[in-house]
Amino acid sequence: ETCLSYPLDVTSTEFKLVATYGGWEYVILTYELGDPVEPPERPLFITVIEFESVAVVLGNLGIRISLVAYPVVCVQKPFIDNVREQLKNNPEFKGILS
């Protein structure tokens, strides 16, 4: 079976930035690709790089896959520093649920 998915075929892509602290995971930022929010309001920058690759077969499943895009993600350091401080010093911090 051949499975093809191209970036333009995807209706939405959401990225979540997750921090782990004290055995818990906190979603500290979500971003939907194509969101019109502009910097400096958005501390997360994403570029999707598209390319062609040779399809490979997954083990004995017989499924052929090709990677045609991957994201490059950058996060502003002051944002990460603030989240780190919140995780360490604010017991009420719940990530995006705060």
C-alpha atoms as a PDB file:
ATOM      1  CA  GLU A   1       0.000   0.000   0.000  1.00  0.00           C
ATOM      2  CA  THR A   2       1.277   3.465  -0.825  1.00  0.00           C
ATOM      3  CA  CYS A   3       0.455   6.403   1.436  1.00  0.00           C
ATOM      4  CA  LEU A   4       1.140   9.890   0.158  1.00  0.00           C
ATOM      5  CA  SER A   5       0.570  13.073   2.058  1.00  0.00           C
ATOM      6  CA  TYR A   6       1.806  16.406   0.811  1.00  0.00           C
ATOM      7  CA  PRO A   7       2.052  19.581   2.930  1.00  0.00           C
ATOM      8  CA  LEU A   8      -0.601  21.304   0.841  1.00  0.00           C
ATOM      9  CA  ASP A   9      -2.985  18.395   1.522  1.00  0.00           C
ATOM     10  CA  VAL A  10      -2.854  18.986   5.273  1.00  0.00           C
ATOM     11  CA  THR A  11      -5.780  21.076   6.468  1.00  0.00           C
ATOM     12  CA  SER A  12      -4.161  22.156   9.722  1.00  0.00           C
ATOM     13  CA  THR A  13      -0.996  21.580  11.690  1.00  0.00           C
ATOM     14  CA  GLU A  14      -0.705  22.479  15.367  1.00  0.00           C
ATOM     15  CA  PHE A  15       2.569  22.623  17.261  1.00  0.00           C
ATOM     16  CA  LYS A  16       2.716  22.351  21.034  1.00  0.00           C
ATOM     17  CA  LEU A  17       5.713  23.351  23.106  1.00  0.00           C
ATOM     18  CA  VAL A  18       5.821  21.123  26.175  1.00  0.00           C
ATOM     19  CA  ALA A  19       8.033  21.500  29.257  1.00  0.00           C
ATOM     20  CA  THR A  20       8.714  18.637  31.657  1.00  0.00           C
ATOM     21  CA  TYR A  21       9.337  19.486  35.293  1.00  0.00           C
ATOM     22  CA  GLY A  22       9.089  17.348  38.410  1.00  0.00           C
ATOM     23  CA  GLY A  23       7.686  14.418  36.465  1.00  0.00           C
ATOM     24  CA  TRP A  24       4.856  16.521  34.981  1.00  0.00           C
ATOM     25  CA  GLU A  25       4.390  17.799  31.452  1.00  0.00           C
ATOM     26  CA  TYR A  26       3.137  21.335  30.875  1.00  0.00           C
ATOM     27  CA  VAL A  27       1.913  22.636  27.522  1.00  0.00           C
ATOM     28  CA  ILE A  28       3.389  26.118  27.577  1.00  0.00           C
ATOM     29  CA  LEU A  29       2.546  27.232  24.062  1.00  0.00           C
ATOM     30  CA  THR A  30       0.396  26.132  21.141  1.00  0.00           C
ATOM     31  CA  TYR A  31       0.659  27.430  17.605  1.00  0.00           C
ATOM     32  CA  GLU A  32      -1.317  26.535  14.520  1.00  0.00           C
ATOM     33  CA  LEU A  33       0.698  26.743  11.332  1.00  0.00           C
ATOM     34  CA  GLY A  34      -0.560  29.697   9.317  1.00  0.00           C
ATOM     35  CA  ASP A  35      -1.738  31.643  12.390  1.00  0.00           C
ATOM     36  CA  PRO A  36      -1.564  35.354  11.463  1.00  0.00           C
ATOM     37  CA  VAL A  37      -0.209  36.477  14.889  1.00  0.00           C
ATOM     38  CA  GLU A  38       2.987  38.432  14.283  1.00  0.00           C
ATOM     39  CA  PRO A  39       6.082  38.885  16.474  1.00  0.00           C
ATOM     40  CA  PRO A  40       6.756  40.013  19.160  1.00  0.00           C
ATOM     41  CA  GLU A  41       3.420  38.605  20.355  1.00  0.00           C
ATOM     42  CA  ARG A  42       4.466  35.145  19.197  1.00  0.00           C
ATOM     43  CA  PRO A  43       7.594  33.697  20.857  1.00  0.00           C
ATOM     44  CA  LEU A  44       7.545  30.637  18.564  1.00  0.00           C
ATOM     45  CA  PHE A  45       8.755  30.816  14.960  1.00  0.00           C
ATOM     46  CA  ILE A  46       8.197  27.892  12.597  1.00  0.00           C
ATOM     47  CA  THR A  47       9.367  27.308   9.057  1.00  0.00           C
ATOM     48  CA  VAL A  48       8.307  24.205   7.172  1.00  0.00           C
ATOM     49  CA  ILE A  49      10.940  22.883   4.785  1.00  0.00           C
ATOM     50  CA  GLU A  50       9.663  20.809   1.888  1.00  0.00           C
ATOM     51  CA  PHE A  51      11.768  18.356  -0.105  1.00  0.00           C
ATOM     52  CA  GLU A  52      11.533  15.131  -2.043  1.00  0.00           C
ATOM     53  CA  SER A  53      12.752  11.888  -0.527  1.00  0.00           C
ATOM     54  CA  VAL A  54      12.995   8.266  -1.539  1.00  0.00           C
ATOM     55  CA  ALA A  55      10.112   6.200  -0.181  1.00  0.00           C
ATOM     56  CA  VAL A  56      11.031   3.472   2.305  1.00  0.00           C
ATOM     57  CA  VAL A  57       9.073   0.398   3.366  1.00  0.00           C
ATOM     58  CA  LEU A  58       8.285   0.010   7.069  1.00  0.00           C
ATOM     59  CA  GLY A  59       9.420  -3.446   8.193  1.00  0.00           C
ATOM     60  CA  ASN A  60       7.033  -6.268   7.392  1.00  0.00           C
ATOM     61  CA  LEU A  61       4.031  -3.940   7.215  1.00  0.00           C
ATOM     62  CA  GLY A  62       4.549  -3.246   3.516  1.00  0.00           C
ATOM     63  CA  ILE A  63       3.693   0.429   3.978  1.00  0.00           C
ATOM     64  CA  ARG A  64       5.772   2.836   1.907  1.00  0.00           C
ATOM     65  CA  ILE A  65       6.431   6.239   3.438  1.00  0.00           C
ATOM     66  CA  SER A  66       8.121   9.388   2.214  1.00  0.00           C
ATOM     67  CA  LEU A  67       9.076  12.394   4.292  1.00  0.00           C
ATOM     68  CA  VAL A  68       8.204  15.479   2.242  1.00  0.00           C
ATOM     69  CA  ALA A  69       8.406  18.213   4.884  1.00  0.00           C
ATOM     70  CA  TYR A  70       9.678  18.883   8.356  1.00  0.00           C
ATOM     71  CA  PRO A  71       9.473  21.904  10.646  1.00  0.00           C
ATOM     72  CA  VAL A  72      12.310  24.048  11.912  1.00  0.00           C
ATOM     73  CA  VAL A  73      11.252  25.571  15.231  1.00  0.00           C
ATOM     74  CA  CYS A  74      12.822  28.525  17.078  1.00  0.00           C
ATOM     75  CA  VAL A  75      11.716  29.810  20.471  1.00  0.00           C
ATOM     76  CA  GLN A  76      12.720  33.176  21.908  1.00  0.00           C
ATOM     77  CA  LYS A  77      15.146  32.754  24.812  1.00  0.00           C
ATOM     78  CA  PRO A  78      13.429  35.298  27.118  1.00  0.00           C
ATOM     79  CA  PHE A  79      10.200  33.283  26.767  1.00  0.00           C
ATOM     80  CA  ILE A  80      11.975  30.039  27.722  1.00  0.00           C
ATOM     81  CA  ASP A  81      13.763  31.750  30.625  1.00  0.00           C
ATOM     82  CA  ASN A  82      10.414  33.068  31.917  1.00  0.00           C
ATOM     83  CA  VAL A  83       8.792  29.627  31.686  1.00  0.00           C
ATOM     84  CA  ARG A  84      11.754  28.055  33.506  1.00  0.00           C
ATOM     85  CA  GLU A  85      11.385  30.549  36.336  1.00  0.00           C
ATOM     86  CA  GLN A  86       7.621  30.001  36.496  1.00  0.00           C
ATOM     87  CA  LEU A  87       8.094  26.223  36.716  1.00  0.00           C
ATOM     88  CA  LYS A  88      10.666  26.508  39.495  1.00  0.00           C
ATOM     89  CA  ASN A  89       9.123  29.290  41.572  1.00  0.00           C
ATOM     90  CA  ASN A  90       5.372  29.390  40.971  1.00  0.00           C
ATOM     91  CA  PRO A  91       3.479  26.361  42.269  1.00  0.00           C
ATOM     92  CA  GLU A  92       0.294  27.698  40.643  1.00  0.00           C
ATOM     93  CA  PHE A  93       1.830  27.612  37.135  1.00  0.00           C
ATOM     94  CA  LYS A  94      -0.097  25.245  34.870  1.00  0.00           C
ATOM     95  CA  GLY A  95       1.316  26.207  31.466  1.00  0.00           C
ATOM     96  CA  ILE A  96      -1.328  27.449  29.040  1.00  0.00           C
ATOM     97  CA  LEU A  97      -3.984  26.527  31.599  1.00  0.00           C
ATOM     98  CA  SER A  98      -2.699  29.185  34.047  1.00  0.00           C
END
